[in-house]
Amino acid sequence: MSLQPTPPQLFDDFEAGRITRAQLHAGMAFHARTLVEEIIETSENPVAAWWDTMLARRAAKRLTARHGEWRIRHLLHALSEVDDFEPSHLLWNALHPDVPLFCFFRMRREPVFRLTKIERGPGVLRLRVEHGAAGTRAEQQDFLMLHRGRGFVAERLHCHRDG
């Protein structure tokens, strides 16, 4: 499946001359349409959106208490840079401090995105991510997060689908 590049990837491609200005605008228009569709979905079902937001806030608070906001943001950013990782379009601005951390988690709303396990090891973190369809059809992927410079680099270990 061909994934739509994230906004930072689009700008990198444009600056490197790999895409034209028209292709950049088309890619950014795709992301704008996605945001508008999500706003419409939220307004059509405000109770479900409120509930998902409360669950996401709770998950973000728990992760922050255990691992710190800096680490969680950098883990999410490293995931956004993994090739062919579907949820990267949700995570590309995880390092931006003005975007609340809970905004990156989708507990019930599809496509779901959850960090289900973070294990610390010597010099690395092992991360389990659940994403995709809600319920038992969600895909789980394990990543090894290597500390590099001021952040992390994600290495995909394996992937399996529940259900």
C-alpha atoms as a PDB file:
ATOM      1  CA  MET A   1       0.000   0.000   0.000  1.00  0.00           C
ATOM      2  CA  SER A   2       1.338   3.406  -0.955  1.00  0.00           C
ATOM      3  CA  LEU A   3       1.179   5.802   1.984  1.00  0.00           C
ATOM      4  CA  GLN A   4       0.675   9.537   1.643  1.00  0.00           C
ATOM      5  CA  PRO A   5       3.849  11.389   2.689  1.00  0.00           C
ATOM      6  CA  THR A   6       3.622  13.493   5.840  1.00  0.00           C
ATOM      7  CA  PRO A   7       3.931  17.297   5.562  1.00  0.00           C
ATOM      8  CA  PRO A   8       7.619  17.284   6.612  1.00  0.00           C
ATOM      9  CA  GLN A   9       8.339  14.602   4.010  1.00  0.00           C
ATOM     10  CA  LEU A  10       6.515  16.636   1.364  1.00  0.00           C
ATOM     11  CA  PHE A  11       8.583  19.738   2.165  1.00  0.00           C
ATOM     12  CA  ASP A  12      11.823  17.716   2.182  1.00  0.00           C
ATOM     13  CA  ASP A  13      10.930  16.264  -1.228  1.00  0.00           C
ATOM     14  CA  PHE A  14      10.046  19.719  -2.583  1.00  0.00           C
ATOM     15  CA  GLU A  15      13.253  21.323  -1.309  1.00  0.00           C
ATOM     16  CA  ALA A  16      15.298  18.464  -2.765  1.00  0.00           C
ATOM     17  CA  GLY A  17      13.575  18.898  -6.142  1.00  0.00           C
ATOM     18  CA  ARG A  18      11.917  15.460  -6.121  1.00  0.00           C
ATOM     19  CA  ILE A  19       8.409  16.930  -6.436  1.00  0.00           C
ATOM     20  CA  THR A  20       6.966  20.043  -8.044  1.00  0.00           C
ATOM     21  CA  ARG A  21       5.169  22.885  -6.300  1.00  0.00           C
ATOM     22  CA  ALA A  22       1.865  21.523  -7.669  1.00  0.00           C
ATOM     23  CA  GLN A  23       2.590  18.096  -6.145  1.00  0.00           C
ATOM     24  CA  LEU A  24       3.451  19.770  -2.836  1.00  0.00           C
ATOM     25  CA  HIS A  25       0.138  21.639  -2.879  1.00  0.00           C
ATOM     26  CA  ALA A  26      -1.776  18.465  -3.784  1.00  0.00           C
ATOM     27  CA  GLY A  27      -0.134  16.573  -0.915  1.00  0.00           C
ATOM     28  CA  MET A  28      -0.891  19.338   1.560  1.00  0.00           C
ATOM     29  CA  ALA A  29      -4.483  19.537   0.260  1.00  0.00           C
ATOM     30  CA  PHE A  30      -4.855  15.831   1.061  1.00  0.00           C
ATOM     31  CA  HIS A  31      -3.842  16.481   4.671  1.00  0.00           C
ATOM     32  CA  ALA A  32      -6.172  19.485   4.906  1.00  0.00           C
ATOM     33  CA  ARG A  33      -9.114  17.391   3.622  1.00  0.00           C
ATOM     34  CA  THR A  34      -8.309  14.696   6.183  1.00  0.00           C
ATOM     35  CA  LEU A  35      -8.430  17.261   9.001  1.00  0.00           C
ATOM     36  CA  VAL A  36     -11.724  18.711   7.756  1.00  0.00           C
ATOM     37  CA  GLU A  37     -13.253  15.218   7.523  1.00  0.00           C
ATOM     38  CA  GLU A  38     -12.212  14.546  11.102  1.00  0.00           C
ATOM     39  CA  ILE A  39     -13.734  17.849  12.275  1.00  0.00           C
ATOM     40  CA  ILE A  40     -16.997  16.938  10.562  1.00  0.00           C
ATOM     41  CA  GLU A  41     -16.937  13.460  12.110  1.00  0.00           C
ATOM     42  CA  THR A  42     -16.376  14.994  15.549  1.00  0.00           C
ATOM     43  CA  SER A  43     -19.265  17.412  15.126  1.00  0.00           C
ATOM     44  CA  GLU A  44     -21.573  14.604  13.965  1.00  0.00           C
ATOM     45  CA  ASN A  45     -20.784  12.425  16.970  1.00  0.00           C
ATOM     46  CA  PRO A  46     -19.646  14.694  19.825  1.00  0.00           C
ATOM     47  CA  VAL A  47     -20.247  12.159  22.604  1.00  0.00           C
ATOM     48  CA  ALA A  48     -17.989   9.534  21.027  1.00  0.00           C
ATOM     49  CA  ALA A  49     -15.359  12.203  20.306  1.00  0.00           C
ATOM     50  CA  TRP A  50     -15.515  13.452  23.902  1.00  0.00           C
ATOM     51  CA  TRP A  51     -15.165   9.917  25.246  1.00  0.00           C
ATOM     52  CA  ASP A  52     -12.181   9.139  23.001  1.00  0.00           C
ATOM     53  CA  THR A  53     -10.554  12.420  24.066  1.00  0.00           C
ATOM     54  CA  MET A  54     -10.970  11.544  27.748  1.00  0.00           C
ATOM     55  CA  LEU A  55      -9.436   8.092  27.194  1.00  0.00           C
ATOM     56  CA  ALA A  56      -6.565   9.633  25.226  1.00  0.00           C
ATOM     57  CA  ARG A  57      -5.926  12.212  27.971  1.00  0.00           C
ATOM     58  CA  ARG A  58      -5.802   9.418  30.538  1.00  0.00           C
ATOM     59  CA  ALA A  59      -3.383   7.358  28.434  1.00  0.00           C
ATOM     60  CA  ALA A  60      -1.128  10.373  27.798  1.00  0.00           C
ATOM     61  CA  LYS A  61      -1.123  11.270  31.494  1.00  0.00           C
ATOM     62  CA  ARG A  62      -0.181   7.719  32.473  1.00  0.00           C
ATOM     63  CA  LEU A  63       2.611   7.516  29.883  1.00  0.00           C
ATOM     64  CA  THR A  64       3.943  10.934  30.875  1.00  0.00           C
ATOM     65  CA  ALA A  65       3.982   9.988  34.557  1.00  0.00           C
ATOM     66  CA  ARG A  66       5.935   6.807  33.823  1.00  0.00           C
ATOM     67  CA  HIS A  67       8.308   7.962  31.098  1.00  0.00           C
ATOM     68  CA  GLY A  68       8.210  11.765  30.846  1.00  0.00           C
ATOM     69  CA  GLU A  69       6.720  13.965  28.163  1.00  0.00           C
ATOM     70  CA  TRP A  70      10.061  14.520  26.376  1.00  0.00           C
ATOM     71  CA  ARG A  71      10.598  10.785  25.906  1.00  0.00           C
ATOM     72  CA  ILE A  72       7.031  10.104  24.717  1.00  0.00           C
ATOM     73  CA  ARG A  73       7.155  12.965  22.195  1.00  0.00           C
ATOM     74  CA  HIS A  74      10.495  11.762  20.833  1.00  0.00           C
ATOM     75  CA  LEU A  75       9.246   8.169  20.593  1.00  0.00           C
ATOM     76  CA  LEU A  76       6.201   9.324  18.636  1.00  0.00           C
ATOM     77  CA  HIS A  77       8.390  11.442  16.366  1.00  0.00           C
ATOM     78  CA  ALA A  78      10.719   8.480  15.709  1.00  0.00           C
ATOM     79  CA  LEU A  79       7.681   6.388  14.767  1.00  0.00           C
ATOM     80  CA  SER A  80       6.532   9.094  12.343  1.00  0.00           C
ATOM     81  CA  GLU A  81       9.800   8.670  10.424  1.00  0.00           C
ATOM     82  CA  VAL A  82       9.467   4.889   9.933  1.00  0.00           C
ATOM     83  CA  ASP A  83       8.954   4.002   6.270  1.00  0.00           C
ATOM     84  CA  ASP A  84       5.544   2.501   5.453  1.00  0.00           C
ATOM     85  CA  PHE A  85       4.186   3.014   8.972  1.00  0.00           C
ATOM     86  CA  GLU A  86       0.509   3.841   8.513  1.00  0.00           C
ATOM     87  CA  PRO A  87      -0.020   6.037  11.610  1.00  0.00           C
ATOM     88  CA  SER A  88       2.842   8.374  10.662  1.00  0.00           C
ATOM     89  CA  HIS A  89       0.279  10.881   9.352  1.00  0.00           C
ATOM     90  CA  LEU A  90      -1.030  11.181  12.927  1.00  0.00           C
ATOM     91  CA  LEU A  91       2.393  11.674  14.515  1.00  0.00           C
ATOM     92  CA  TRP A  92       4.442  13.946  12.265  1.00  0.00           C
ATOM     93  CA  ASN A  93       4.188  16.992  14.569  1.00  0.00           C
ATOM     94  CA  ALA A  94       4.720  15.157  17.874  1.00  0.00           C
ATOM     95  CA  LEU A  95       7.717  17.340  18.775  1.00  0.00           C
ATOM     96  CA  HIS A  96       5.674  20.526  18.576  1.00  0.00           C
ATOM     97  CA  PRO A  97       5.185  21.628  22.213  1.00  0.00           C
ATOM     98  CA  ASP A  98       1.940  23.502  21.473  1.00  0.00           C
ATOM     99  CA  VAL A  99       0.140  20.325  20.396  1.00  0.00           C
ATOM    100  CA  PRO A 100      -1.154  18.514  23.505  1.00  0.00           C
ATOM    101  CA  LEU A 101       0.285  15.024  23.856  1.00  0.00           C
ATOM    102  CA  PHE A 102      -3.133  13.369  24.092  1.00  0.00           C
ATOM    103  CA  CYS A 103      -3.938  14.486  20.521  1.00  0.00           C
ATOM    104  CA  PHE A 104      -1.683  11.756  19.126  1.00  0.00           C
ATOM    105  CA  PHE A 105      -3.564   8.872  20.721  1.00  0.00           C
ATOM    106  CA  ARG A 106      -6.768   7.401  19.340  1.00  0.00           C
ATOM    107  CA  MET A 107      -8.209   4.912  21.762  1.00  0.00           C
ATOM    108  CA  ARG A 108     -11.491   3.979  20.046  1.00  0.00           C
ATOM    109  CA  ARG A 109     -11.796   6.207  16.993  1.00  0.00           C
ATOM    110  CA  GLU A 110     -10.463   4.553  13.863  1.00  0.00           C
ATOM    111  CA  PRO A 111      -7.728   4.345  12.944  1.00  0.00           C
ATOM    112  CA  VAL A 112      -6.793   3.565  16.551  1.00  0.00           C
ATOM    113  CA  PHE A 113      -3.289   4.357  17.752  1.00  0.00           C
ATOM    114  CA  ARG A 114      -2.043   3.258  21.158  1.00  0.00           C
ATOM    115  CA  LEU A 115       1.293   2.681  22.831  1.00  0.00           C
ATOM    116  CA  THR A 116       0.595  -0.547  24.680  1.00  0.00           C
ATOM    117  CA  LYS A 117       4.024  -1.290  26.110  1.00  0.00           C
ATOM    118  CA  ILE A 118       7.284   0.533  26.725  1.00  0.00           C
ATOM    119  CA  GLU A 119      10.102  -1.539  28.217  1.00  0.00           C
ATOM    120  CA  ARG A 120      13.429  -0.028  29.174  1.00  0.00           C
ATOM    121  CA  GLY A 121      16.632  -1.887  28.442  1.00  0.00           C
ATOM    122  CA  PRO A 122      20.300  -0.962  28.481  1.00  0.00           C
ATOM    123  CA  GLY A 123      20.578   1.858  25.949  1.00  0.00           C
ATOM    124  CA  VAL A 124      17.323   0.980  24.163  1.00  0.00           C
ATOM    125  CA  LEU A 125      13.579   0.985  24.604  1.00  0.00           C
ATOM    126  CA  ARG A 126      11.241  -1.701  23.307  1.00  0.00           C
ATOM    127  CA  LEU A 127       7.925  -0.307  22.199  1.00  0.00           C
ATOM    128  CA  ARG A 128       4.671  -2.062  21.253  1.00  0.00           C
ATOM    129  CA  VAL A 129       2.245  -0.074  19.124  1.00  0.00           C
ATOM    130  CA  GLU A 130      -1.337  -1.007  18.348  1.00  0.00           C
ATOM    131  CA  HIS A 131      -2.929   0.674  15.337  1.00  0.00           C
ATOM    132  CA  GLY A 132      -5.499   0.294  12.612  1.00  0.00           C
ATOM    133  CA  ALA A 133      -8.965  -1.153  13.077  1.00  0.00           C
ATOM    134  CA  ALA A 134     -10.661  -0.950  16.457  1.00  0.00           C
ATOM    135  CA  GLY A 135     -11.183  -4.004  18.630  1.00  0.00           C
ATOM    136  CA  THR A 136      -9.501  -7.321  18.042  1.00  0.00           C
ATOM    137  CA  ARG A 137      -8.546  -6.555  14.418  1.00  0.00           C
ATOM    138  CA  ALA A 138      -5.861  -4.041  15.414  1.00  0.00           C
ATOM    139  CA  GLU A 139      -2.340  -4.572  14.142  1.00  0.00           C
ATOM    140  CA  GLN A 140       0.479  -4.695  16.662  1.00  0.00           C
ATOM    141  CA  GLN A 141       4.058  -3.828  15.845  1.00  0.00           C
ATOM    142  CA  ASP A 142       7.136  -3.997  18.026  1.00  0.00           C
ATOM    143  CA  PHE A 143       9.922  -1.450  17.648  1.00  0.00           C
ATOM    144  CA  LEU A 144      13.367  -1.143  19.103  1.00  0.00           C
ATOM    145  CA  MET A 145      14.009   2.507  19.891  1.00  0.00           C
ATOM    146  CA  LEU A 146      17.683   3.439  19.781  1.00  0.00           C
ATOM    147  CA  HIS A 147      18.790   6.689  21.372  1.00  0.00           C
ATOM    148  CA  ARG A 148      20.544   8.845  18.778  1.00  0.00           C
ATOM    149  CA  GLY A 149      21.633  12.403  19.441  1.00  0.00           C
ATOM    150  CA  ARG A 150      18.718  14.344  20.871  1.00  0.00           C
ATOM    151  CA  GLY A 151      16.024  11.775  20.038  1.00  0.00           C
ATOM    152  CA  PHE A 152      15.342   8.213  19.016  1.00  0.00           C
ATOM    153  CA  VAL A 153      15.529   6.115  15.876  1.00  0.00           C
ATOM    154  CA  ALA A 154      12.912   3.379  15.468  1.00  0.00           C
ATOM    155  CA  GLU A 155      13.718  -0.081  14.160  1.00  0.00           C
ATOM    156  CA  ARG A 156      10.762  -2.343  13.348  1.00  0.00           C
ATOM    157  CA  LEU A 157      11.124  -5.742  15.014  1.00  0.00           C
ATOM    158  CA  HIS A 158       7.961  -7.565  13.991  1.00  0.00           C
ATOM    159  CA  CYS A 159       4.331  -7.075  13.172  1.00  0.00           C
ATOM    160  CA  HIS A 160       1.254  -9.198  13.775  1.00  0.00           C
ATOM    161  CA  ARG A 161      -2.481  -8.765  13.484  1.00  0.00           C
ATOM    162  CA  ASP A 162      -4.785  -9.864  16.286  1.00  0.00           C
ATOM    163  CA  GLY A 163      -8.113 -11.578  15.720  1.00  0.00           C
END
